[in-house]
N, C-alpha and C. Protein backbone atom coordinates (compact mmCIF):
# COMPACT_ATOMS: atom_id res chain seq x y z
N UNK A 1 15.97 -42.30 3.90
CA UNK A 1 15.58 -40.84 3.40
C UNK A 1 14.76 -40.17 2.24
N UNK A 2 14.62 -41.12 1.23
CA UNK A 2 13.74 -40.83 0.16
C UNK A 2 13.20 -41.44 -0.19
N UNK A 3 11.76 -41.25 -0.77
CA UNK A 3 11.01 -42.70 -1.15
C UNK A 3 10.25 -42.18 -2.50
N UNK A 4 10.45 -43.02 -3.58
CA UNK A 4 10.05 -42.56 -4.99
C UNK A 4 8.78 -43.17 -5.16
N UNK A 5 7.83 -42.33 -5.49
CA UNK A 5 6.61 -43.24 -5.90
C UNK A 5 6.36 -42.91 -7.39
N UNK A 6 5.57 -43.44 -8.19
CA UNK A 6 5.49 -43.44 -9.68
C UNK A 6 4.09 -44.21 -9.78
N UNK A 7 3.38 -43.57 -10.88
CA UNK A 7 1.93 -44.55 -11.21
C UNK A 7 1.25 -44.04 -12.83
N UNK A 8 0.49 -44.97 -13.01
CA UNK A 8 0.09 -44.39 -14.40
C UNK A 8 -1.30 -44.65 -14.34
N UNK A 9 -2.18 -43.86 -14.78
CA UNK A 9 -3.67 -44.35 -14.78
C UNK A 9 -4.34 -43.92 -16.11
N UNK A 10 -5.28 -44.76 -16.32
CA UNK A 10 -5.87 -44.78 -17.65
C UNK A 10 -7.22 -45.07 -17.31
N UNK A 11 -8.37 -44.10 -17.68
CA UNK A 11 -9.93 -44.50 -17.69
C UNK A 11 -10.59 -43.94 -18.66
N UNK A 12 -12.05 -44.77 -18.63
CA UNK A 12 -13.01 -44.59 -19.60
C UNK A 12 -13.97 -44.28 -18.83
N UNK A 13 -14.84 -43.06 -19.12
CA UNK A 13 -16.17 -42.65 -18.62
C UNK A 13 -17.06 -42.23 -19.67
N UNK A 14 -18.09 -43.18 -19.87
CA UNK A 14 -19.31 -43.00 -20.95
C UNK A 14 -20.41 -42.85 -20.21
N UNK A 15 -21.13 -41.76 -20.76
CA UNK A 15 -22.57 -41.69 -20.34
C UNK A 15 -23.49 -41.40 -21.55
N UNK A 16 -24.69 -41.92 -21.39
CA UNK A 16 -25.38 -41.91 -22.45
C UNK A 16 -26.78 -40.82 -22.10
N UNK A 17 -26.35 -40.08 -22.78
CA UNK A 17 -27.29 -38.49 -22.16
C UNK A 17 -28.74 -38.57 -22.05
N UNK A 18 -29.19 -39.72 -23.16
CA UNK A 18 -30.49 -39.56 -23.41
C UNK A 18 -31.31 -40.56 -22.31
N UNK A 19 -30.47 -41.59 -21.76
CA UNK A 19 -31.16 -42.35 -20.64
C UNK A 19 -30.46 -42.34 -19.35
N UNK A 20 -29.58 -41.62 -19.20
CA UNK A 20 -28.49 -41.21 -17.90
C UNK A 20 -27.92 -42.48 -17.35
N UNK A 21 -27.73 -43.63 -18.19
CA UNK A 21 -26.74 -44.72 -17.87
C UNK A 21 -25.24 -43.96 -17.98
N UNK A 22 -24.48 -44.83 -17.11
CA UNK A 22 -22.99 -44.19 -17.35
C UNK A 22 -22.18 -45.49 -16.80
N UNK A 23 -21.21 -45.43 -17.43
CA UNK A 23 -20.45 -46.61 -17.37
C UNK A 23 -18.72 -45.99 -16.93
N UNK A 24 -18.12 -46.65 -16.02
CA UNK A 24 -16.72 -46.19 -15.80
C UNK A 24 -15.82 -47.46 -15.74
N UNK A 25 -14.64 -47.09 -16.08
CA UNK A 25 -13.39 -48.35 -16.06
C UNK A 25 -12.46 -47.24 -15.72
N UNK A 26 -11.58 -48.16 -14.90
CA UNK A 26 -10.19 -47.49 -14.53
C UNK A 26 -8.85 -48.31 -14.43
N UNK A 27 -8.02 -48.25 -14.67
CA UNK A 27 -6.56 -49.30 -14.70
C UNK A 27 -5.66 -47.94 -14.08
N UNK A 28 -5.14 -48.76 -13.07
CA UNK A 28 -4.13 -47.69 -12.39
C UNK A 28 -3.02 -48.94 -11.95
N UNK A 29 -1.73 -48.46 -11.90
CA UNK A 29 -0.23 -49.15 -12.07
C UNK A 29 0.49 -48.37 -10.99
N UNK A 30 1.07 -48.85 -10.24
CA UNK A 30 2.00 -48.00 -9.39
C UNK A 30 3.07 -48.71 -8.94
N UNK A 31 4.46 -48.01 -8.79
CA UNK A 31 5.24 -48.79 -7.86
C UNK A 31 6.07 -47.65 -6.72
N UNK A 32 7.26 -48.40 -6.23
CA UNK A 32 7.99 -47.60 -5.58
C UNK A 32 9.28 -47.98 -5.29
N UNK A 33 10.06 -46.90 -4.66
CA UNK A 33 11.58 -47.29 -4.21
C UNK A 33 11.68 -46.92 -2.93
N UNK A 34 12.61 -47.62 -2.17
CA UNK A 34 12.90 -47.34 -0.80
C UNK A 34 11.41 -46.97 0.01
N UNK A 35 10.65 -47.86 -0.16
CA UNK A 35 9.05 -48.01 0.59
C UNK A 35 9.20 -48.01 1.78
N UNK A 36 8.30 -47.54 2.85
CA UNK A 36 8.19 -47.82 4.28
C UNK A 36 6.54 -47.85 4.35
N UNK A 37 6.18 -48.06 5.58
CA UNK A 37 4.88 -48.37 6.00
C UNK A 37 4.31 -47.11 5.91
N UNK A 38 4.93 -45.85 6.00
CA UNK A 38 3.99 -44.45 5.86
C UNK A 38 4.09 -43.83 4.46
N UNK A 39 4.97 -44.37 3.43
CA UNK A 39 4.93 -44.34 2.17
C UNK A 39 4.46 -44.84 1.17
N UNK A 40 4.34 -46.30 1.52
CA UNK A 40 3.84 -47.45 0.76
C UNK A 40 2.36 -46.87 -0.10
N UNK A 41 1.93 -47.63 -1.00
CA UNK A 41 0.81 -47.35 -1.89
C UNK A 41 -0.23 -48.16 -0.83
N UNK A 42 -1.41 -47.73 -0.57
CA UNK A 42 -2.03 -48.33 0.06
C UNK A 42 -3.56 -48.02 -0.59
N UNK A 43 -4.10 -49.37 -0.43
CA UNK A 43 -5.83 -49.96 -1.19
C UNK A 43 -6.37 -50.28 -0.20
N UNK A 44 -7.86 -50.36 -0.31
CA UNK A 44 -8.82 -50.61 0.42
C UNK A 44 -10.06 -49.96 0.26
N UNK A 45 -10.74 -50.09 1.00
CA UNK A 45 -12.46 -49.69 1.02
C UNK A 45 -12.45 -48.20 0.82
N UNK A 46 -13.84 -47.83 1.01
CA UNK A 46 -14.35 -46.45 0.31
C UNK A 46 -14.36 -45.55 1.55
N UNK A 47 -13.49 -44.46 1.13
CA UNK A 47 -13.84 -43.45 2.14
C UNK A 47 -13.77 -42.08 0.76
N UNK A 48 -15.13 -41.87 0.82
CA UNK A 48 -15.30 -40.59 -0.42
C UNK A 48 -14.89 -39.54 -0.31
N UNK A 49 -14.22 -38.90 -1.57
CA UNK A 49 -13.74 -37.72 -1.80
C UNK A 49 -12.45 -37.72 -0.91
N UNK A 50 -11.61 -38.82 -0.72
CA UNK A 50 -10.56 -38.60 -0.12
C UNK A 50 -9.21 -38.91 -1.04
N UNK A 51 -9.45 -39.03 -2.51
CA UNK A 51 -8.39 -39.07 -3.29
C UNK A 51 -8.87 -38.97 -4.33
N UNK A 52 -8.07 -38.07 -5.53
CA UNK A 52 -8.43 -37.80 -6.78
C UNK A 52 -8.19 -39.06 -7.41
N UNK A 53 -7.67 -40.14 -7.50
CA UNK A 53 -7.61 -41.32 -8.03
C UNK A 53 -7.79 -42.54 -6.88
N UNK A 54 -8.69 -42.62 -6.29
CA UNK A 54 -8.79 -43.83 -5.37
C UNK A 54 -8.65 -44.64 -5.66
N UNK A 55 -7.84 -45.56 -4.91
CA UNK A 55 -7.39 -47.15 -4.95
C UNK A 55 -8.53 -48.17 -4.26
N UNK A 56 -9.69 -47.94 -4.50
CA UNK A 56 -10.52 -48.96 -3.81
C UNK A 56 -10.90 -50.25 -4.06
N UNK A 57 -11.16 -50.88 -3.05
CA UNK A 57 -11.63 -52.22 -3.07
C UNK A 57 -12.97 -52.46 -2.45
N UNK A 58 -14.15 -52.59 -2.61
CA UNK A 58 -15.31 -52.49 -1.69
C UNK A 58 -15.34 -53.97 -0.95
N UNK A 59 -15.82 -53.53 0.10
CA UNK A 59 -15.48 -54.67 1.28
C UNK A 59 -14.53 -54.43 2.12
N UNK A 60 -13.42 -53.93 1.88
CA UNK A 60 -12.21 -53.92 2.52
C UNK A 60 -12.16 -52.65 3.55
N UNK A 61 -11.43 -52.48 4.43
CA UNK A 61 -11.10 -51.47 5.34
C UNK A 61 -10.54 -50.26 4.44
N UNK A 62 -10.80 -48.88 4.79
CA UNK A 62 -9.77 -47.61 4.21
C UNK A 62 -8.56 -48.18 4.56
N UNK A 63 -7.65 -48.29 3.42
CA UNK A 63 -6.47 -48.38 3.09
C UNK A 63 -5.85 -49.56 3.85
N UNK A 64 -6.64 -50.72 3.80
CA UNK A 64 -6.38 -51.75 4.41
C UNK A 64 -4.88 -52.50 3.88
N UNK A 65 -4.67 -52.35 2.56
CA UNK A 65 -3.52 -53.11 2.21
C UNK A 65 -2.36 -52.12 1.94
N UNK A 66 -0.94 -52.51 2.10
CA UNK A 66 0.08 -51.83 1.83
C UNK A 66 0.87 -52.66 0.81
N UNK A 67 1.43 -51.75 -0.23
CA UNK A 67 2.18 -52.30 -1.31
C UNK A 67 3.07 -51.67 -1.80
N UNK A 68 4.16 -52.31 -2.47
CA UNK A 68 5.12 -51.35 -3.19
C UNK A 68 5.44 -51.25 -4.76
N UNK A 69 4.21 -52.30 -5.12
CA UNK A 69 3.95 -52.31 -6.51
C UNK A 69 2.64 -52.68 -6.72
N UNK A 70 1.39 -52.22 -7.66
CA UNK A 70 0.20 -52.91 -7.86
C UNK A 70 -0.26 -52.64 -8.73
N UNK A 71 -1.36 -53.30 -9.52
CA UNK A 71 -1.89 -53.05 -10.80
C UNK A 71 -3.45 -53.17 -10.31
N UNK A 72 -4.41 -52.21 -10.55
CA UNK A 72 -5.52 -51.98 -9.85
C UNK A 72 -6.82 -51.59 -10.98
N UNK A 73 -7.75 -52.45 -11.11
CA UNK A 73 -8.70 -52.79 -12.25
C UNK A 73 -10.00 -52.06 -11.55
N UNK A 74 -11.09 -51.21 -11.89
CA UNK A 74 -12.20 -51.04 -11.45
C UNK A 74 -12.79 -50.76 -12.79
N UNK A 75 -14.16 -50.94 -12.09
CA UNK A 75 -15.25 -50.66 -13.43
C UNK A 75 -16.76 -50.34 -12.46
N UNK A 76 -17.54 -49.32 -12.86
CA UNK A 76 -18.93 -49.56 -12.41
C UNK A 76 -20.35 -49.29 -13.24
N UNK A 77 -21.21 -49.46 -12.83
CA UNK A 77 -22.30 -48.93 -13.85
C UNK A 77 -23.27 -48.67 -13.28
N UNK A 78 -23.68 -47.19 -13.60
CA UNK A 78 -24.70 -46.54 -12.90
C UNK A 78 -26.22 -46.59 -13.85
N UNK A 79 -27.33 -46.97 -12.80
CA UNK A 79 -28.33 -46.94 -14.05
C UNK A 79 -29.31 -46.27 -13.22
N UNK A 80 -30.14 -45.24 -13.79
CA UNK A 80 -31.05 -44.32 -13.09
C UNK A 80 -32.36 -45.00 -12.84
N UNK A 81 -32.91 -44.98 -11.77
CA UNK A 81 -34.03 -45.27 -11.19
C UNK A 81 -35.45 -44.49 -11.44
N UNK A 82 -35.51 -43.37 -11.56
CA UNK A 82 -36.26 -42.22 -11.91
C UNK A 82 -36.23 -41.77 -13.02
N UNK A 83 -37.30 -41.10 -13.70
CA UNK A 83 -37.00 -40.07 -14.91
C UNK A 83 -35.94 -39.13 -14.67
N UNK A 84 -36.36 -38.53 -13.62
CA UNK A 84 -35.37 -37.14 -13.21
C UNK A 84 -34.06 -37.53 -13.14
N UNK A 85 -33.54 -38.94 -13.17
CA UNK A 85 -32.23 -39.25 -12.46
C UNK A 85 -31.80 -38.87 -11.14
N UNK A 86 -32.80 -38.76 -10.20
CA UNK A 86 -32.46 -38.41 -8.91
C UNK A 86 -32.05 -39.57 -8.13
N UNK A 87 -33.13 -40.57 -8.43
CA UNK A 87 -32.38 -41.95 -7.75
C UNK A 87 -31.56 -42.82 -8.64
N UNK A 88 -30.38 -43.16 -8.10
CA UNK A 88 -29.63 -44.12 -8.92
C UNK A 88 -29.08 -45.33 -8.07
N UNK A 89 -28.71 -46.67 -9.38
CA UNK A 89 -28.12 -47.65 -8.41
C UNK A 89 -26.84 -47.68 -9.21
N UNK A 90 -25.83 -48.20 -8.53
CA UNK A 90 -24.64 -48.17 -9.11
C UNK A 90 -24.14 -49.60 -8.51
N UNK A 91 -23.41 -50.01 -9.53
CA UNK A 91 -23.09 -51.57 -9.17
C UNK A 91 -21.51 -51.55 -9.89
N UNK A 92 -20.47 -52.26 -9.03
CA UNK A 92 -19.21 -52.04 -9.16
C UNK A 92 -18.24 -53.05 -8.72
N UNK A 93 -17.45 -53.09 -9.30
CA UNK A 93 -16.22 -54.25 -8.88
C UNK A 93 -14.72 -53.54 -9.27
N UNK A 94 -14.09 -54.03 -8.41
CA UNK A 94 -12.49 -53.58 -8.26
C UNK A 94 -11.55 -55.10 -7.75
N UNK A 95 -10.51 -54.84 -8.45
CA UNK A 95 -9.55 -56.19 -8.36
C UNK A 95 -8.27 -55.78 -8.53
N UNK A 96 -7.37 -56.07 -7.76
CA UNK A 96 -5.61 -55.46 -7.72
C UNK A 96 -4.93 -56.70 -7.33
N UNK A 97 -3.59 -56.51 -8.03
CA UNK A 97 -2.72 -57.53 -7.71
C UNK A 97 -1.47 -56.73 -7.24
N UNK A 98 -1.12 -57.55 -5.92
CA UNK A 98 -0.17 -56.60 -5.03
C UNK A 98 1.54 -57.25 -5.13
N UNK A 99 2.27 -56.21 -5.24
CA UNK A 99 3.35 -57.06 -4.76
C UNK A 99 3.53 -56.12 -2.99
N UNK A 100 3.35 -56.85 -2.10
CA UNK A 100 3.06 -56.32 -0.66
C UNK A 100 4.40 -55.91 -0.04
N UNK A 101 3.97 -54.67 0.67
CA UNK A 101 5.10 -54.26 1.67
C UNK A 101 5.87 -55.29 2.42
N UNK A 102 6.89 -55.65 2.61
CA UNK A 102 7.69 -56.42 3.50
C UNK A 102 6.85 -56.50 4.79
N UNK A 103 6.69 -57.65 5.45
CA UNK A 103 5.64 -57.63 6.71
C UNK A 103 4.27 -57.63 6.62
N UNK A 104 3.77 -57.23 5.24
CA UNK A 104 2.54 -57.11 5.00
C UNK A 104 1.83 -58.05 4.22
N UNK A 105 2.55 -59.33 3.79
CA UNK A 105 2.03 -59.97 2.82
C UNK A 105 0.87 -60.69 3.36
N UNK A 106 -0.24 -61.38 2.30
CA UNK A 106 -1.07 -61.75 2.48
C UNK A 106 -1.28 -63.24 1.58
N UNK A 107 -1.99 -64.36 1.83
CA UNK A 107 -2.04 -65.49 1.05
C UNK A 107 -2.28 -65.36 -0.72
N UNK A 108 -2.62 -64.48 -0.82
CA UNK A 108 -2.93 -64.21 -2.33
C UNK A 108 -2.49 -62.89 -2.70
N UNK A 109 -1.90 -62.57 -4.03
CA UNK A 109 -1.25 -61.31 -4.42
C UNK A 109 -2.72 -60.85 -5.22
N UNK A 110 -3.71 -61.33 -5.33
CA UNK A 110 -4.99 -60.60 -5.97
C UNK A 110 -5.92 -60.44 -4.66
N UNK A 111 -6.34 -59.18 -4.77
CA UNK A 111 -7.63 -58.88 -3.80
C UNK A 111 -8.55 -58.12 -4.53
N UNK A 112 -9.87 -58.82 -4.52
CA UNK A 112 -11.25 -58.46 -5.15
C UNK A 112 -12.49 -57.99 -4.31
N UNK A 113 -13.38 -57.39 -4.85
CA UNK A 113 -14.34 -56.71 -4.49
C UNK A 113 -15.41 -56.12 -5.12
N UNK A 114 -16.69 -56.48 -4.75
CA UNK A 114 -17.55 -55.90 -5.38
C UNK A 114 -18.71 -55.26 -4.73
N UNK A 115 -19.55 -54.33 -5.11
CA UNK A 115 -20.31 -53.50 -4.57
C UNK A 115 -21.50 -53.03 -4.95
N UNK A 116 -22.66 -52.37 -4.37
CA UNK A 116 -23.61 -51.54 -5.02
C UNK A 116 -24.28 -50.64 -4.08
N UNK A 117 -24.57 -49.74 -4.82
CA UNK A 117 -24.87 -48.42 -4.00
C UNK A 117 -26.61 -47.94 -4.31
N UNK A 118 -26.95 -47.08 -3.70
CA UNK A 118 -28.18 -46.59 -4.12
C UNK A 118 -28.15 -44.83 -3.58
N UNK A 119 -28.69 -44.19 -4.50
CA UNK A 119 -28.09 -42.62 -3.98
C UNK A 119 -29.65 -41.81 -4.19
N UNK A 120 -29.91 -40.82 -4.09
CA UNK A 120 -30.96 -39.87 -3.83
C UNK A 120 -30.23 -38.61 -4.03
N UNK A 121 -30.51 -37.70 -4.95
CA UNK A 121 -29.89 -36.55 -5.21
C UNK A 121 -31.28 -35.51 -5.16
N UNK A 122 -31.34 -34.19 -4.17
CA UNK A 122 -32.50 -33.39 -4.06
C UNK A 122 -32.77 -32.82 -5.64
N UNK A 123 -34.07 -32.35 -5.36
CA UNK A 123 -34.16 -31.76 -6.83
C UNK A 123 -33.31 -30.42 -6.86
N UNK A 124 -32.74 -29.85 -6.04
CA UNK A 124 -32.15 -28.55 -6.51
C UNK A 124 -30.55 -28.99 -6.28
N UNK A 125 -30.20 -30.14 -6.18
CA UNK A 125 -29.18 -30.71 -6.16
C UNK A 125 -28.00 -29.99 -5.22
N UNK A 126 -28.56 -29.80 -4.17
CA UNK A 126 -27.87 -29.06 -2.70
C UNK A 126 -27.63 -30.35 -2.11
N UNK A 127 -27.85 -31.27 -1.75
CA UNK A 127 -27.65 -32.46 -0.99
C UNK A 127 -27.73 -33.73 -1.55
N UNK A 128 -27.11 -34.83 -1.37
CA UNK A 128 -27.29 -36.04 -1.77
C UNK A 128 -26.87 -37.31 -0.61
N UNK A 129 -27.63 -37.97 -0.75
CA UNK A 129 -27.62 -39.48 0.08
C UNK A 129 -27.39 -40.52 -0.71
N UNK A 130 -26.16 -41.25 -0.20
CA UNK A 130 -25.59 -42.72 -0.68
C UNK A 130 -25.59 -43.77 0.20
N UNK A 131 -26.53 -44.76 0.14
CA UNK A 131 -25.99 -46.12 0.84
C UNK A 131 -25.35 -47.16 0.29
N UNK A 132 -24.32 -47.56 0.76
CA UNK A 132 -23.62 -48.39 -0.29
C UNK A 132 -23.29 -49.92 0.63
N UNK A 133 -23.12 -50.99 -0.14
CA UNK A 133 -22.80 -52.12 0.36
C UNK A 133 -21.50 -52.82 -0.61
N UNK A 134 -20.64 -53.22 0.10
CA UNK A 134 -19.41 -54.05 -0.53
C UNK A 134 -19.03 -55.50 -0.17
N UNK A 135 -18.64 -56.24 -0.90
CA UNK A 135 -18.25 -57.35 -0.29
C UNK A 135 -16.79 -57.69 -0.64
N UNK A 136 -15.77 -57.94 0.22
CA UNK A 136 -14.43 -57.99 -0.31
C UNK A 136 -14.18 -59.62 -0.30
N UNK A 137 -13.71 -60.35 -1.38
CA UNK A 137 -13.52 -61.75 -1.21
C UNK A 137 -12.36 -62.29 -0.88
N UNK A 138 -11.50 -61.50 -0.96
CA UNK A 138 -10.13 -61.91 -0.04
C UNK A 138 -9.87 -61.29 1.16
N UNK A 139 -10.76 -60.50 1.75
CA UNK A 139 -10.36 -59.38 2.80
C UNK A 139 -10.25 -60.47 4.16
N UNK A 140 -9.28 -60.47 4.64
CA UNK A 140 -9.00 -61.42 5.93
C UNK A 140 -9.76 -60.76 7.05
N UNK A 141 -10.70 -61.49 7.71
CA UNK A 141 -11.13 -61.56 9.10
C UNK A 141 -11.20 -62.66 9.83
N UNK A 142 -10.85 -62.49 11.09
CA UNK A 142 -10.52 -63.60 11.92
C UNK A 142 -9.99 -64.87 11.53
N UNK A 143 -9.21 -64.96 10.42
CA UNK A 143 -8.21 -65.91 9.91
C UNK A 143 -8.95 -66.52 8.72
N UNK A 144 -10.27 -65.73 7.92
CA UNK A 144 -10.88 -66.18 7.38
C UNK A 144 -10.90 -65.46 6.14
N UNK A 145 -11.05 -65.74 4.96
CA UNK A 145 -11.38 -64.38 3.83
C UNK A 145 -12.57 -64.14 3.67
N UNK A 146 -13.14 -63.13 3.24
CA UNK A 146 -14.62 -62.65 3.22
C UNK A 146 -15.17 -61.69 4.32
N UNK A 147 -15.24 -60.66 3.69
CA UNK A 147 -15.61 -58.89 4.52
C UNK A 147 -17.15 -58.49 3.59
N UNK A 148 -18.02 -57.86 5.03
CA UNK A 148 -18.94 -57.01 4.18
C UNK A 148 -18.63 -55.77 4.79
N UNK A 149 -19.06 -54.84 3.99
CA UNK A 149 -18.87 -53.22 4.59
C UNK A 149 -20.31 -52.79 4.04
N UNK A 150 -20.60 -51.61 5.19
CA UNK A 150 -21.91 -50.85 4.47
C UNK A 150 -21.66 -49.67 4.82
N UNK A 151 -21.83 -48.59 4.46
CA UNK A 151 -21.35 -47.04 4.62
C UNK A 151 -22.78 -46.55 4.19
N UNK A 152 -22.98 -45.21 4.93
CA UNK A 152 -23.76 -43.97 4.43
C UNK A 152 -23.18 -42.72 4.19
N UNK A 153 -23.57 -41.88 3.12
CA UNK A 153 -22.86 -40.63 2.94
C UNK A 153 -23.92 -39.66 2.63
N UNK A 154 -23.88 -38.57 3.49
CA UNK A 154 -24.46 -37.57 3.04
C UNK A 154 -23.53 -36.37 2.65
N UNK A 155 -23.93 -35.68 1.34
CA UNK A 155 -23.04 -34.72 0.58
C UNK A 155 -24.01 -33.48 1.04
N UNK A 156 -23.67 -32.22 0.93
CA UNK A 156 -24.14 -31.04 0.98
C UNK A 156 -23.15 -30.01 0.17
N UNK A 157 -23.88 -29.76 -0.69
CA UNK A 157 -23.20 -28.79 -1.48
C UNK A 157 -23.10 -27.44 -1.23
N UNK A 158 -22.22 -26.93 -0.56
CA UNK A 158 -22.60 -25.28 -0.12
C UNK A 158 -22.69 -24.28 -1.19
N UNK A 159 -21.53 -24.68 -2.18
CA UNK A 159 -21.48 -23.60 -3.33
C UNK A 159 -23.28 -23.39 -4.00
N UNK A 160 -23.19 -24.68 -4.52
CA UNK A 160 -24.73 -24.42 -5.10
C UNK A 160 -25.80 -24.22 -4.25
N UNK A 161 -25.95 -24.10 -2.94
CA UNK A 161 -27.00 -23.54 -2.05
C UNK A 161 -26.57 -22.07 -2.48
N UNK A 162 -25.29 -21.77 -2.01
CA UNK A 162 -25.07 -20.12 -2.05
C UNK A 162 -25.69 -19.57 -3.65
N UNK A 163 -25.35 -20.46 -4.47
CA UNK A 163 -25.67 -19.87 -6.07
C UNK A 163 -27.31 -19.42 -6.17
N UNK A 164 -27.88 -20.16 -5.37
CA UNK A 164 -29.32 -20.34 -5.60
C UNK A 164 -30.13 -20.83 -6.42
N UNK A 165 -29.06 -22.02 -7.03
CA UNK A 165 -29.73 -22.54 -8.00
C UNK A 165 -31.05 -23.46 -7.36
N UNK A 166 -32.01 -23.57 -8.19
CA UNK A 166 -33.04 -24.32 -7.73
C UNK A 166 -33.89 -23.86 -6.96
N UNK A 167 -34.89 -24.87 -6.23
CA UNK A 167 -35.75 -24.35 -4.87
C UNK A 167 -35.00 -25.11 -3.73
N UNK A 168 -35.48 -24.22 -2.65
CA UNK A 168 -34.88 -25.19 -1.60
C UNK A 168 -35.86 -26.34 -1.06
N UNK A 169 -35.26 -26.98 -0.42
CA UNK A 169 -35.87 -28.33 -0.30
C UNK A 169 -35.70 -28.85 1.46
């Protein structure tokens, strides 16, 4: 009849404003009581803008793993590829230690993935496109560990366009 979820998040974001480099680190831990398949913690692949504190693991399917308790560590580094920072590369990694929901256990409590992305932002910052790749070291596919994922995201900022900032592209 009731499920209790609890979590703790700590994060560090740092940007070097003179170079455009950025570093991000996050630690999230969560637990639950009376959890079922629908209320369990869900960890997995990237679905941008889906959650305030997404529990992503590059190379995995979206919300692929179901857990009663977990510790999730993630980090990324952004490197500008152009002087105006419109082209950027991102390298990232994430790992999680899980207490799986009954019936959804896998051979290892640890799940780990790494990924890279290339992004371009328009001059007026109205739109952005991101191509990404991820590899999940422990993701199960056809009875074996290891999985690839590729994604393409197009983001359009209607509010930025409405405000008339910059020139149209």
